[in-house]
Amino acid sequence: MGFMIEWKKVNLYIERTAIIMYIYFDQKETDVTAIAAQYPVTCVTDIDEIPEGALVLHYQPDMVSLECGNLEMHGDLTTMLPRLKRLNTEMLIKAAKPGNFPQGALAIDATAGMGEDSLLLAAAGFRVKLFEYNAVIAALLQDSLQRAAAIPELADIVARMEVVPGDSIRGIRELEEHADVIYLDPMFPERQKSGLIKKKFQLLQQLERPCDDENGLLTAAMEAKPSKLIIKRPLKGPQLAGVMPGYTVKGKAIRYDCFAF
């Protein structure tokens, strides 16, 4: 069951199989209902009660981070600034073709993760709803957007981005307005080659996978009949659920399978 943490400095850890998370709250009331719904949650007041090697979700006054031993990660959308300067060369933007949509058209990122692809879509003029099932990742993502809102180069862009924690299959089916674009990225982090990305996902991979039902996700997206459905895949990987796209935008390592409705 969910509960609220009262105004005091506490340590919260979550244990499931070998996963333990520690959350530090600083002079604020924090709702842990979503996390408690996915992981057994116990509050402690002494950090020494957290076992060595624990997976830690650390709430600080200015940041939320995920930590384990010497590994630490947090959302940082400022790393995307160089890519925003060459936005029109981004494969996702070439696939989305924002010029075919009015400013403020709705895009759904059904597998948001840490929000980098959503940022590209928002920079191209879309309003973006970011669905993220895992409550811990959603907390990191929300914190990242809040900090980005204080950066002049990102403020207007992230103002068009809304995190929607929860099941994206259900979320797509319960949309109250028509989605112009739905974007799916069911790739697994271990397929990436960057050493930095591998370090980052060593932590994220200790969490439960957000969605195992790729067929259900694709079905929900197609039934929503967006103007365009975009699916990110490894360049030589199979089509998602074996469904052939209308066309594909290819890069050196990945491709975007596109459907028009």
Protein backbone atom coordinates (compact mmCIF):
# COMPACT_ATOMS: atom_id res chain seq x y z
CA MET A 1 0.00 0.00 0.00
CA GLY A 2 1.13 3.56 -0.65
CA PHE A 3 1.80 6.15 2.01
CA MET A 4 3.18 9.65 2.46
CA ILE A 5 6.51 10.53 4.02
CA GLU A 6 6.16 13.28 6.63
CA TRP A 7 8.33 16.39 6.75
CA LYS A 8 11.58 15.05 8.11
CA LYS A 9 14.87 13.65 6.94
CA VAL A 10 14.39 9.92 6.41
CA ASN A 11 15.93 7.11 4.47
CA LEU A 12 13.60 4.96 2.44
CA TYR A 13 14.71 1.70 0.92
CA ILE A 14 12.89 -0.68 -1.33
CA GLU A 15 13.72 -4.36 -1.43
CA ARG A 16 12.79 -6.86 -4.12
CA THR A 17 14.95 -9.90 -4.84
CA ALA A 18 18.46 -8.37 -4.69
CA ILE A 19 17.30 -4.77 -5.25
CA ILE A 20 17.39 -2.21 -2.46
CA MET A 21 16.82 1.51 -2.96
CA TYR A 22 17.46 4.32 -0.56
CA ILE A 23 15.64 7.64 -0.88
CA TYR A 24 16.66 10.78 0.97
CA PHE A 25 13.96 13.39 1.51
CA ASP A 26 14.93 16.94 2.40
CA GLN A 27 12.24 19.13 3.94
CA LYS A 28 9.45 17.99 1.64
CA GLU A 29 6.54 15.62 1.62
CA THR A 30 6.92 12.97 -1.06
CA ASP A 31 4.32 10.55 -2.33
CA VAL A 32 5.87 7.10 -2.74
CA THR A 33 2.63 5.39 -3.73
CA ALA A 34 3.74 4.61 -7.30
CA ILE A 35 7.06 3.12 -6.16
CA ALA A 36 5.40 1.18 -3.35
CA ALA A 37 2.99 -0.32 -5.88
CA GLN A 38 5.92 -1.88 -7.76
CA TYR A 39 8.35 -2.67 -4.95
CA PRO A 40 8.00 -3.62 -1.28
CA VAL A 41 8.89 -0.43 0.62
CA THR A 42 10.38 0.01 4.08
CA CYS A 43 11.36 3.29 5.76
CA VAL A 44 14.44 3.54 7.95
CA THR A 45 15.99 6.54 9.65
CA ASP A 46 19.60 5.39 9.68
CA ILE A 47 21.59 5.13 6.46
CA ASP A 48 23.75 2.47 8.11
CA GLU A 49 20.79 0.10 7.82
CA ILE A 50 21.20 0.12 4.05
CA PRO A 51 23.30 -2.92 3.05
CA GLU A 52 26.49 -2.51 1.07
CA GLY A 53 25.94 -2.73 -2.67
CA ALA A 54 22.35 -1.51 -2.44
CA LEU A 55 20.66 0.07 -5.43
CA VAL A 56 19.87 3.57 -4.21
CA LEU A 57 17.33 6.11 -5.36
CA HIS A 58 18.71 9.24 -3.74
CA TYR A 59 16.51 12.29 -3.31
CA GLN A 60 18.71 15.35 -2.75
CA PRO A 61 17.57 18.99 -2.53
CA ASP A 62 18.70 19.67 -6.11
CA MET A 63 18.63 16.28 -7.84
CA VAL A 64 17.35 12.71 -7.87
CA SER A 65 19.95 10.08 -8.72
CA LEU A 66 20.21 6.31 -8.97
CA GLU A 67 23.30 4.90 -7.28
CA CYS A 68 25.02 1.62 -6.54
CA GLY A 69 28.53 1.54 -5.15
CA ASN A 70 30.68 3.72 -7.38
CA LEU A 71 28.05 3.89 -10.11
CA GLU A 72 25.71 6.89 -10.25
CA MET A 73 23.34 8.21 -12.87
CA HIS A 74 20.82 11.01 -13.14
CA GLY A 75 18.92 12.62 -15.98
CA ASP A 76 20.81 15.43 -17.71
CA LEU A 77 19.14 16.84 -20.82
CA THR A 78 21.87 19.44 -21.27
CA THR A 79 23.87 16.67 -22.96
CA MET A 80 21.32 16.90 -25.79
CA LEU A 81 22.06 20.56 -26.61
CA PRO A 82 24.56 19.78 -29.42
CA ARG A 83 22.01 17.49 -31.06
CA LEU A 84 19.30 20.13 -30.83
CA LYS A 85 21.51 22.48 -32.86
CA ARG A 86 21.42 20.01 -35.76
CA LEU A 87 17.87 18.83 -35.17
CA ASN A 88 16.96 18.42 -38.83
CA THR A 89 19.72 15.84 -39.28
CA GLU A 90 18.28 13.58 -36.57
CA MET A 91 16.87 10.35 -38.00
CA LEU A 92 13.87 10.43 -35.67
CA ILE A 93 12.94 13.89 -36.94
CA LYS A 94 13.34 12.73 -40.53
CA ALA A 95 10.99 9.86 -39.73
CA ALA A 96 8.46 12.04 -37.91
CA LYS A 97 8.38 14.76 -40.60
CA PRO A 98 7.10 17.48 -38.26
CA GLY A 99 6.54 19.82 -41.21
CA ASN A 100 3.51 17.68 -42.09
CA PHE A 101 1.87 18.52 -38.75
CA PRO A 102 0.65 21.75 -37.18
CA GLN A 103 2.69 23.29 -34.37
CA GLY A 104 1.70 21.65 -31.10
CA ALA A 105 0.56 18.36 -32.65
CA LEU A 106 0.46 15.55 -30.08
CA ALA A 107 3.21 12.93 -30.01
CA ILE A 108 3.17 9.97 -27.64
CA ASP A 109 6.46 8.43 -26.53
CA ALA A 110 5.17 5.12 -25.22
CA THR A 111 8.59 3.96 -23.97
CA ALA A 112 10.03 7.20 -22.63
CA GLY A 113 13.00 5.99 -20.57
CA MET A 114 15.12 9.04 -19.79
CA GLY A 115 13.38 11.21 -22.37
CA GLU A 116 16.10 12.00 -24.90
CA ASP A 117 14.01 11.05 -27.94
CA SER A 118 11.01 12.88 -26.52
CA LEU A 119 13.16 15.99 -26.23
CA LEU A 120 13.94 15.80 -29.95
CA LEU A 121 10.23 15.56 -30.79
CA ALA A 122 9.39 18.46 -28.48
CA ALA A 123 12.20 20.56 -29.99
CA ALA A 124 10.63 19.90 -33.39
CA GLY A 125 7.38 21.47 -32.17
CA PHE A 126 5.36 18.51 -30.91
CA ARG A 127 3.60 18.36 -27.55
CA VAL A 128 4.88 15.12 -26.10
CA LYS A 129 3.35 12.81 -23.51
CA LEU A 130 6.04 10.57 -22.07
CA PHE A 131 4.68 7.26 -20.79
CA GLU A 132 6.98 5.44 -18.37
CA TYR A 133 5.83 2.32 -16.53
CA ASN A 134 8.68 1.94 -14.05
CA ALA A 135 8.07 4.30 -11.13
CA VAL A 136 11.78 4.73 -10.35
CA ILE A 137 12.66 5.68 -13.93
CA ALA A 138 9.63 7.99 -14.00
CA ALA A 139 10.95 9.75 -10.88
CA LEU A 140 14.36 10.24 -12.49
CA LEU A 141 12.72 11.49 -15.68
CA GLN A 142 10.44 13.96 -13.90
CA ASP A 143 13.39 15.33 -11.95
CA SER A 144 15.38 15.72 -15.16
CA LEU A 145 12.60 17.76 -16.78
CA GLN A 146 12.22 19.97 -13.71
CA ARG A 147 15.92 20.81 -13.74
CA ALA A 148 15.91 21.36 -17.51
CA ALA A 149 13.08 23.88 -17.10
CA ALA A 150 15.57 26.20 -15.38
CA ILE A 151 17.92 26.17 -18.40
CA PRO A 152 17.06 28.90 -20.94
CA GLU A 153 17.94 26.78 -23.99
CA LEU A 154 15.64 23.98 -22.81
CA ALA A 155 12.84 25.72 -20.92
CA ASP A 156 10.46 26.25 -23.86
CA ILE A 157 11.08 22.72 -25.13
CA VAL A 158 10.45 20.86 -21.87
CA ALA A 159 7.33 22.97 -21.31
CA ARG A 160 5.83 20.87 -24.12
CA MET A 161 6.75 17.60 -22.38
CA GLU A 162 4.52 15.83 -19.84
CA VAL A 163 5.52 12.70 -17.93
CA VAL A 164 2.67 10.20 -17.54
CA PRO A 165 3.73 7.43 -15.12
CA GLY A 166 2.06 4.09 -15.67
CA ASP A 167 1.29 1.44 -18.26
CA SER A 168 1.61 2.88 -21.76
CA ILE A 169 -0.70 0.25 -23.29
CA ARG A 170 -3.50 1.36 -21.02
CA GLY A 171 -2.49 5.00 -21.43
CA ILE A 172 -2.69 4.86 -25.22
CA ARG A 173 -6.11 3.22 -25.06
CA GLU A 174 -7.39 5.88 -22.66
CA LEU A 175 -6.12 8.92 -24.55
CA GLU A 176 -8.67 11.73 -24.53
CA GLU A 177 -7.38 13.27 -27.76
CA HIS A 178 -6.13 11.88 -31.04
CA ALA A 179 -2.40 11.22 -31.18
CA ASP A 180 -0.74 12.58 -34.29
CA VAL A 181 2.42 10.53 -33.76
CA ILE A 182 3.09 7.48 -31.58
CA TYR A 183 6.71 6.51 -31.02
CA LEU A 184 7.88 3.14 -29.72
CA ASP A 185 11.43 2.26 -28.72
CA PRO A 186 11.39 -1.28 -27.32
CA MET A 187 15.15 -1.72 -27.83
CA PHE A 188 17.12 -3.08 -24.91
CA PRO A 189 19.98 -0.99 -23.53
CA GLU A 190 22.55 -3.76 -23.89
CA ARG A 191 22.33 -3.39 -27.66
CA GLN A 192 23.97 0.01 -27.38
CA LYS A 193 27.75 0.16 -27.86
CA SER A 194 28.77 3.28 -25.93
CA GLY A 195 30.71 2.55 -22.73
CA LEU A 196 29.05 5.52 -21.05
CA ILE A 197 25.60 4.25 -21.97
CA LYS A 198 26.53 0.80 -20.67
CA LYS A 199 27.53 2.26 -17.30
CA LYS A 200 24.27 4.19 -17.12
CA PHE A 201 22.16 1.16 -17.92
CA GLN A 202 24.01 -1.12 -15.53
CA LEU A 203 21.85 0.63 -12.95
CA LEU A 204 18.63 0.83 -14.94
CA GLN A 205 18.84 -2.83 -15.88
CA GLN A 206 18.63 -3.75 -12.22
CA LEU A 207 15.07 -2.47 -12.27
CA GLU A 208 12.22 -4.49 -13.71
CA ARG A 209 11.83 -4.12 -17.45
CA PRO A 210 9.10 -1.53 -18.17
CA CYS A 211 7.14 -3.59 -20.69
CA ASP A 212 7.51 -7.18 -21.84
CA ASP A 213 4.37 -7.10 -24.01
CA GLU A 214 5.74 -5.76 -27.28
CA ASN A 215 2.85 -7.27 -29.24
CA GLY A 216 0.31 -5.63 -26.94
CA LEU A 217 2.12 -2.29 -27.19
CA LEU A 218 2.14 -2.42 -30.98
CA THR A 219 -1.53 -3.45 -31.09
CA ALA A 220 -2.57 -0.58 -28.82
CA ALA A 221 -0.56 1.90 -30.90
CA MET A 222 -2.07 0.70 -34.18
CA GLU A 223 -5.60 0.67 -32.79
CA ALA A 224 -5.17 4.32 -31.77
CA LYS A 225 -4.74 5.11 -35.49
CA PRO A 226 -2.22 7.93 -35.16
CA SER A 227 -1.35 9.78 -38.35
CA LYS A 228 2.09 8.19 -38.00
CA LEU A 229 3.54 5.33 -35.97
CA ILE A 230 7.34 5.18 -35.62
CA ILE A 231 9.22 2.18 -34.21
CA LYS A 232 12.94 2.27 -33.40
CA ARG A 233 14.75 -0.98 -34.17
CA PRO A 234 18.32 -2.29 -34.47
CA LEU A 235 19.40 -1.93 -38.11
CA LYS A 236 19.42 -5.68 -38.74
CA GLY A 237 16.80 -6.61 -36.15
CA PRO A 238 13.41 -8.10 -37.00
CA GLN A 239 10.28 -6.03 -37.40
CA LEU A 240 8.40 -5.56 -34.16
CA ALA A 241 5.88 -8.41 -33.87
CA GLY A 242 6.74 -9.30 -37.48
CA VAL A 243 4.67 -6.42 -38.88
CA MET A 244 6.11 -4.88 -42.05
CA PRO A 245 6.29 -1.05 -42.05
CA GLY A 246 5.19 1.25 -44.84
CA TYR A 247 8.71 2.66 -45.11
CA THR A 248 11.96 2.78 -43.16
CA VAL A 249 14.51 5.46 -42.33
CA LYS A 250 17.91 3.79 -41.92
CA GLY A 251 21.12 4.79 -40.16
CA LYS A 252 24.40 2.99 -39.49
CA ALA A 253 23.20 1.07 -36.44
CA ILE A 254 19.47 1.68 -36.10
CA ARG A 255 16.43 2.22 -38.25
CA TYR A 256 12.97 3.71 -37.83
CA ASP A 257 10.07 1.64 -39.17
CA CYS A 258 7.20 3.96 -40.09
CA PHE A 259 3.47 3.40 -40.58
CA ALA A 260 0.92 5.91 -41.87
CA PHE A 261 -2.81 5.63 -41.06
